[in-house]
Amino acid sequence: MKILVSTSLLVTLVACQSATAPTGPTAAATAPTATASPGAPTTEDARTAVRRYLGLQPDSALYRLDSAAILDADASWQVLVPRTDWAGRMPNKAAFDVNKASGTVTRRAVK
């Protein structure tokens, strides 16, 4: 059942992505990354890495890490974190990629 829910969420996220590449710099391309060592081999390690990353951000109080969804995306984890200021809109979650080998956290653009 978890695989079905994860797969349908992933398909929904892919369907929401734009077919054209952005022409200017995006928030995801200009956002800083945080590195944790020695990597993030488990979902809890990924959650901890995102918590550490968000602790460095000025808007960290807007994120609900206790309600985060973590998806396995081959070499990385995709962490979807609800935002309190995005309640009632779609998408209502911020997306982060956590590299399993290095623990590097990268903010992803959502549409």
N, C-alpha and C. Protein backbone atom coordinates (compact mmCIF):
# COMPACT_ATOMS: atom_id res chain seq x y z
N MET A 1 0.83 -1.18 0.00
CA MET A 1 0.00 0.00 0.00
C MET A 1 0.88 1.25 0.00
N LYS A 2 1.98 1.25 0.79
CA LYS A 2 2.87 2.40 0.83
C LYS A 2 3.48 2.66 -0.55
N ILE A 3 3.82 1.59 -1.26
CA ILE A 3 4.42 1.75 -2.58
C ILE A 3 3.42 2.38 -3.53
N LEU A 4 2.17 1.96 -3.46
CA LEU A 4 1.13 2.52 -4.32
C LEU A 4 0.93 3.99 -4.03
N VAL A 5 0.88 4.38 -2.75
CA VAL A 5 0.70 5.78 -2.38
C VAL A 5 1.92 6.59 -2.81
N SER A 6 3.12 6.06 -2.58
CA SER A 6 4.34 6.76 -2.98
C SER A 6 4.41 6.93 -4.48
N THR A 7 4.04 5.88 -5.22
CA THR A 7 4.06 5.94 -6.67
C THR A 7 3.06 6.96 -7.19
N SER A 8 1.85 6.96 -6.62
CA SER A 8 0.85 7.92 -7.09
C SER A 8 1.24 9.34 -6.75
N LEU A 9 1.89 9.55 -5.61
CA LEU A 9 2.37 10.88 -5.25
C LEU A 9 3.46 11.32 -6.20
N LEU A 10 4.36 10.42 -6.54
CA LEU A 10 5.45 10.73 -7.47
C LEU A 10 4.89 11.06 -8.85
N VAL A 11 3.90 10.28 -9.31
CA VAL A 11 3.30 10.54 -10.61
C VAL A 11 2.61 11.89 -10.60
N THR A 12 1.94 12.22 -9.50
CA THR A 12 1.28 13.52 -9.38
C THR A 12 2.29 14.64 -9.43
N LEU A 13 3.41 14.48 -8.73
CA LEU A 13 4.45 15.51 -8.73
C LEU A 13 5.05 15.68 -10.12
N VAL A 14 5.29 14.58 -10.81
CA VAL A 14 5.86 14.65 -12.16
C VAL A 14 4.87 15.33 -13.10
N ALA A 15 3.59 15.04 -12.97
CA ALA A 15 2.59 15.63 -13.84
C ALA A 15 2.47 17.14 -13.62
N CYS A 16 2.81 17.61 -12.42
CA CYS A 16 2.73 19.04 -12.12
C CYS A 16 3.93 19.81 -12.62
N GLN A 17 4.97 19.13 -13.03
CA GLN A 17 6.18 19.81 -13.48
C GLN A 17 5.99 20.36 -14.88
N SER A 18 6.61 21.47 -15.14
CA SER A 18 6.53 22.12 -16.44
C SER A 18 7.34 21.34 -17.46
N ALA A 19 6.85 21.31 -18.70
CA ALA A 19 7.56 20.60 -19.77
C ALA A 19 8.71 21.43 -20.32
N THR A 20 8.70 22.74 -20.05
CA THR A 20 9.77 23.59 -20.56
C THR A 20 10.74 23.92 -19.45
N ALA A 21 11.99 24.11 -19.82
CA ALA A 21 13.01 24.45 -18.84
C ALA A 21 12.95 25.94 -18.55
N PRO A 22 13.19 26.34 -17.31
CA PRO A 22 13.18 27.77 -17.00
C PRO A 22 14.34 28.48 -17.68
N THR A 23 14.10 29.72 -18.07
CA THR A 23 15.13 30.47 -18.79
C THR A 23 16.00 31.28 -17.87
N GLY A 24 15.52 31.70 -16.73
CA GLY A 24 16.30 32.50 -15.80
C GLY A 24 16.70 31.67 -14.59
N PRO A 25 17.46 32.27 -13.67
CA PRO A 25 17.85 31.55 -12.46
C PRO A 25 16.62 31.30 -11.60
N THR A 26 16.55 30.14 -11.02
CA THR A 26 15.42 29.78 -10.16
C THR A 26 15.87 29.74 -8.72
N ALA A 27 14.92 29.68 -7.83
CA ALA A 27 15.24 29.59 -6.40
C ALA A 27 16.02 28.33 -6.11
N ALA A 28 15.69 27.24 -6.79
CA ALA A 28 16.41 25.99 -6.56
C ALA A 28 17.85 26.08 -7.02
N ALA A 29 18.09 26.83 -8.09
CA ALA A 29 19.45 26.93 -8.61
C ALA A 29 20.31 27.87 -7.78
N THR A 30 19.69 28.86 -7.13
CA THR A 30 20.45 29.84 -6.38
C THR A 30 20.46 29.57 -4.89
N ALA A 31 19.67 28.61 -4.42
CA ALA A 31 19.60 28.32 -2.99
C ALA A 31 20.87 27.63 -2.52
N PRO A 32 21.30 27.95 -1.31
CA PRO A 32 22.49 27.29 -0.78
C PRO A 32 22.18 25.84 -0.44
N THR A 33 23.21 25.05 -0.36
CA THR A 33 23.05 23.67 0.04
C THR A 33 23.73 23.46 1.37
N ALA A 34 23.27 22.48 2.11
CA ALA A 34 23.89 22.13 3.39
C ALA A 34 24.41 20.72 3.28
N THR A 35 25.56 20.48 3.83
CA THR A 35 26.16 19.15 3.77
C THR A 35 26.26 18.57 5.16
N ALA A 36 25.81 17.36 5.29
CA ALA A 36 25.93 16.62 6.54
C ALA A 36 26.84 15.44 6.28
N SER A 37 27.57 15.03 7.26
CA SER A 37 28.41 13.86 7.06
C SER A 37 27.94 12.79 8.00
N PRO A 38 28.08 11.58 7.68
CA PRO A 38 28.70 10.90 6.55
C PRO A 38 27.71 10.49 5.48
N GLY A 39 26.66 11.18 5.28
CA GLY A 39 25.67 10.82 4.28
C GLY A 39 24.32 10.63 4.94
N ALA A 40 23.37 10.13 4.17
CA ALA A 40 22.01 9.92 4.67
C ALA A 40 21.46 8.61 4.14
N PRO A 41 21.93 7.48 4.69
CA PRO A 41 21.48 6.19 4.17
C PRO A 41 20.05 5.80 4.57
N THR A 42 19.47 6.45 5.59
CA THR A 42 18.13 6.10 6.04
C THR A 42 17.20 7.31 5.95
N THR A 43 15.90 7.06 6.06
CA THR A 43 14.94 8.15 6.02
C THR A 43 15.11 9.08 7.21
N GLU A 44 15.44 8.55 8.36
CA GLU A 44 15.65 9.40 9.53
C GLU A 44 16.88 10.28 9.36
N ASP A 45 17.92 9.76 8.71
CA ASP A 45 19.10 10.57 8.41
C ASP A 45 18.72 11.71 7.45
N ALA A 46 17.86 11.42 6.48
CA ALA A 46 17.40 12.44 5.54
C ALA A 46 16.59 13.51 6.27
N ARG A 47 15.72 13.09 7.18
CA ARG A 47 14.92 14.05 7.95
C ARG A 47 15.83 14.94 8.81
N THR A 48 16.85 14.33 9.41
CA THR A 48 17.80 15.08 10.23
C THR A 48 18.58 16.07 9.38
N ALA A 49 18.99 15.67 8.18
CA ALA A 49 19.73 16.56 7.29
C ALA A 49 18.87 17.76 6.89
N VAL A 50 17.60 17.53 6.58
CA VAL A 50 16.70 18.63 6.22
C VAL A 50 16.46 19.52 7.43
N ARG A 51 16.31 18.93 8.61
CA ARG A 51 16.13 19.72 9.83
C ARG A 51 17.34 20.64 10.04
N ARG A 52 18.54 20.09 9.85
CA ARG A 52 19.77 20.88 9.99
C ARG A 52 19.80 22.00 8.93
N TYR A 53 19.44 21.67 7.70
CA TYR A 53 19.41 22.66 6.61
C TYR A 53 18.43 23.78 6.92
N LEU A 54 17.20 23.41 7.34
CA LEU A 54 16.19 24.42 7.61
C LEU A 54 16.55 25.27 8.83
N GLY A 55 17.33 24.74 9.75
CA GLY A 55 17.78 25.50 10.89
C GLY A 55 18.63 26.70 10.50
N LEU A 56 19.23 26.64 9.31
CA LEU A 56 20.06 27.73 8.80
C LEU A 56 19.26 28.76 8.02
N GLN A 57 17.99 28.47 7.75
CA GLN A 57 17.16 29.34 6.93
C GLN A 57 16.37 30.32 7.79
N PRO A 58 16.16 31.56 7.31
CA PRO A 58 15.41 32.54 8.10
C PRO A 58 13.93 32.21 8.25
N ASP A 59 13.37 31.39 7.35
CA ASP A 59 11.96 31.04 7.41
C ASP A 59 11.71 29.64 7.98
N SER A 60 12.60 29.17 8.81
CA SER A 60 12.53 27.78 9.30
C SER A 60 11.28 27.50 10.12
N ALA A 61 10.68 28.51 10.75
CA ALA A 61 9.50 28.29 11.57
C ALA A 61 8.26 27.94 10.73
N LEU A 62 8.31 28.15 9.42
CA LEU A 62 7.16 27.87 8.55
C LEU A 62 7.02 26.40 8.19
N TYR A 63 8.05 25.59 8.45
CA TYR A 63 8.07 24.20 8.02
C TYR A 63 7.62 23.26 9.13
N ARG A 64 6.85 22.21 8.76
CA ARG A 64 6.36 21.21 9.70
C ARG A 64 7.09 19.89 9.44
N LEU A 65 8.31 19.76 9.96
CA LEU A 65 9.12 18.57 9.70
C LEU A 65 8.52 17.30 10.27
N ASP A 66 7.72 17.41 11.31
CA ASP A 66 7.09 16.21 11.88
C ASP A 66 6.08 15.59 10.92
N SER A 67 5.61 16.36 9.93
CA SER A 67 4.65 15.86 8.94
C SER A 67 5.28 15.63 7.58
N ALA A 68 6.60 15.58 7.50
CA ALA A 68 7.29 15.42 6.22
C ALA A 68 7.08 14.03 5.64
N ALA A 69 6.97 13.97 4.32
CA ALA A 69 6.91 12.70 3.58
C ALA A 69 8.28 12.49 2.92
N ILE A 70 8.82 11.29 3.05
CA ILE A 70 10.14 11.01 2.50
C ILE A 70 10.02 9.89 1.48
N LEU A 71 10.47 10.16 0.26
CA LEU A 71 10.38 9.21 -0.84
C LEU A 71 11.78 8.80 -1.29
N ASP A 72 11.94 7.52 -1.59
CA ASP A 72 13.22 7.01 -2.09
C ASP A 72 13.30 7.32 -3.59
N ALA A 73 14.33 8.08 -3.98
CA ALA A 73 14.52 8.47 -5.39
C ALA A 73 15.90 8.03 -5.85
N ASP A 74 16.15 6.74 -5.84
CA ASP A 74 17.43 6.13 -6.24
C ASP A 74 18.60 6.62 -5.40
N ALA A 75 19.40 7.55 -5.91
CA ALA A 75 20.61 8.00 -5.22
C ALA A 75 20.33 9.10 -4.20
N SER A 76 19.07 9.49 -4.06
CA SER A 76 18.74 10.54 -3.11
C SER A 76 17.38 10.26 -2.47
N TRP A 77 17.08 11.02 -1.45
CA TRP A 77 15.77 11.01 -0.82
C TRP A 77 15.07 12.30 -1.24
N GLN A 78 13.79 12.23 -1.53
CA GLN A 78 13.02 13.44 -1.77
C GLN A 78 12.17 13.65 -0.51
N VAL A 79 12.36 14.78 0.12
CA VAL A 79 11.66 15.10 1.36
C VAL A 79 10.67 16.22 1.07
N LEU A 80 9.38 15.94 1.29
CA LEU A 80 8.31 16.90 1.07
C LEU A 80 7.83 17.39 2.43
N VAL A 81 8.01 18.68 2.70
CA VAL A 81 7.72 19.24 4.01
C VAL A 81 6.59 20.26 3.90
N PRO A 82 5.47 20.04 4.62
CA PRO A 82 4.38 21.02 4.59
C PRO A 82 4.84 22.36 5.17
N ARG A 83 4.28 23.44 4.60
CA ARG A 83 4.55 24.79 5.09
C ARG A 83 3.27 25.36 5.67
N THR A 84 3.37 26.01 6.81
CA THR A 84 2.18 26.56 7.47
C THR A 84 1.58 27.71 6.67
N ASP A 85 2.39 28.47 5.96
CA ASP A 85 1.87 29.60 5.19
C ASP A 85 1.30 29.18 3.84
N TRP A 86 1.43 27.90 3.48
CA TRP A 86 0.89 27.40 2.22
C TRP A 86 -0.38 26.57 2.44
N ALA A 87 -0.97 26.63 3.61
CA ALA A 87 -2.18 25.87 3.89
C ALA A 87 -3.30 26.33 2.96
N GLY A 88 -4.03 25.38 2.40
CA GLY A 88 -5.15 25.70 1.52
C GLY A 88 -4.76 25.93 0.07
N ARG A 89 -3.50 25.76 -0.27
CA ARG A 89 -3.09 25.90 -1.67
C ARG A 89 -2.38 24.63 -2.11
N MET A 90 -2.24 24.45 -3.39
CA MET A 90 -1.53 23.28 -3.91
C MET A 90 -0.43 23.76 -4.83
N PRO A 91 0.77 23.27 -4.74
CA PRO A 91 1.21 22.34 -3.72
C PRO A 91 1.40 23.06 -2.39
N ASN A 92 1.21 22.33 -1.32
CA ASN A 92 1.34 22.92 0.01
C ASN A 92 2.60 22.43 0.73
N LYS A 93 3.52 21.83 -0.02
CA LYS A 93 4.75 21.30 0.57
C LYS A 93 5.96 21.82 -0.19
N ALA A 94 7.03 22.06 0.55
CA ALA A 94 8.32 22.40 -0.04
C ALA A 94 9.06 21.10 -0.29
N ALA A 95 9.87 21.06 -1.33
CA ALA A 95 10.59 19.82 -1.68
C ALA A 95 12.09 20.02 -1.51
N PHE A 96 12.74 18.99 -0.98
CA PHE A 96 14.18 18.98 -0.79
C PHE A 96 14.72 17.64 -1.26
N ASP A 97 15.89 17.66 -1.87
CA ASP A 97 16.60 16.43 -2.21
C ASP A 97 17.75 16.26 -1.24
N VAL A 98 17.91 15.03 -0.73
CA VAL A 98 19.03 14.71 0.15
C VAL A 98 19.82 13.60 -0.51
N ASN A 99 21.06 13.87 -0.86
CA ASN A 99 21.93 12.88 -1.49
C ASN A 99 22.25 11.81 -0.46
N LYS A 100 22.01 10.54 -0.79
CA LYS A 100 22.24 9.46 0.16
C LYS A 100 23.72 9.28 0.50
N ALA A 101 24.59 9.49 -0.47
CA ALA A 101 26.02 9.26 -0.26
C ALA A 101 26.68 10.39 0.53
N SER A 102 26.33 11.63 0.22
CA SER A 102 27.02 12.76 0.84
C SER A 102 26.21 13.47 1.92
N GLY A 103 24.88 13.32 1.89
CA GLY A 103 24.03 14.03 2.85
C GLY A 103 23.75 15.46 2.45
N THR A 104 24.11 15.84 1.22
CA THR A 104 23.88 17.21 0.75
C THR A 104 22.39 17.45 0.54
N VAL A 105 21.90 18.56 1.07
CA VAL A 105 20.49 18.94 0.94
C VAL A 105 20.38 20.05 -0.10
N THR A 106 19.45 19.88 -1.04
CA THR A 106 19.19 20.86 -2.07
C THR A 106 17.72 21.17 -2.12
N ARG A 107 17.38 22.45 -2.11
CA ARG A 107 15.98 22.86 -2.21
C ARG A 107 15.51 22.67 -3.65
N ARG A 108 14.33 22.11 -3.83
CA ARG A 108 13.75 21.89 -5.16
C ARG A 108 12.59 22.85 -5.38
N ALA A 109 12.44 23.29 -6.60
CA ALA A 109 11.30 24.14 -6.96
C ALA A 109 10.05 23.28 -7.09
N VAL A 110 8.92 23.78 -6.61
CA VAL A 110 7.64 23.10 -6.78
C VAL A 110 6.69 24.02 -7.51
N LYS A 111 5.83 23.42 -8.30
CA LYS A 111 4.87 24.20 -9.07
C LYS A 111 3.49 23.67 -8.82
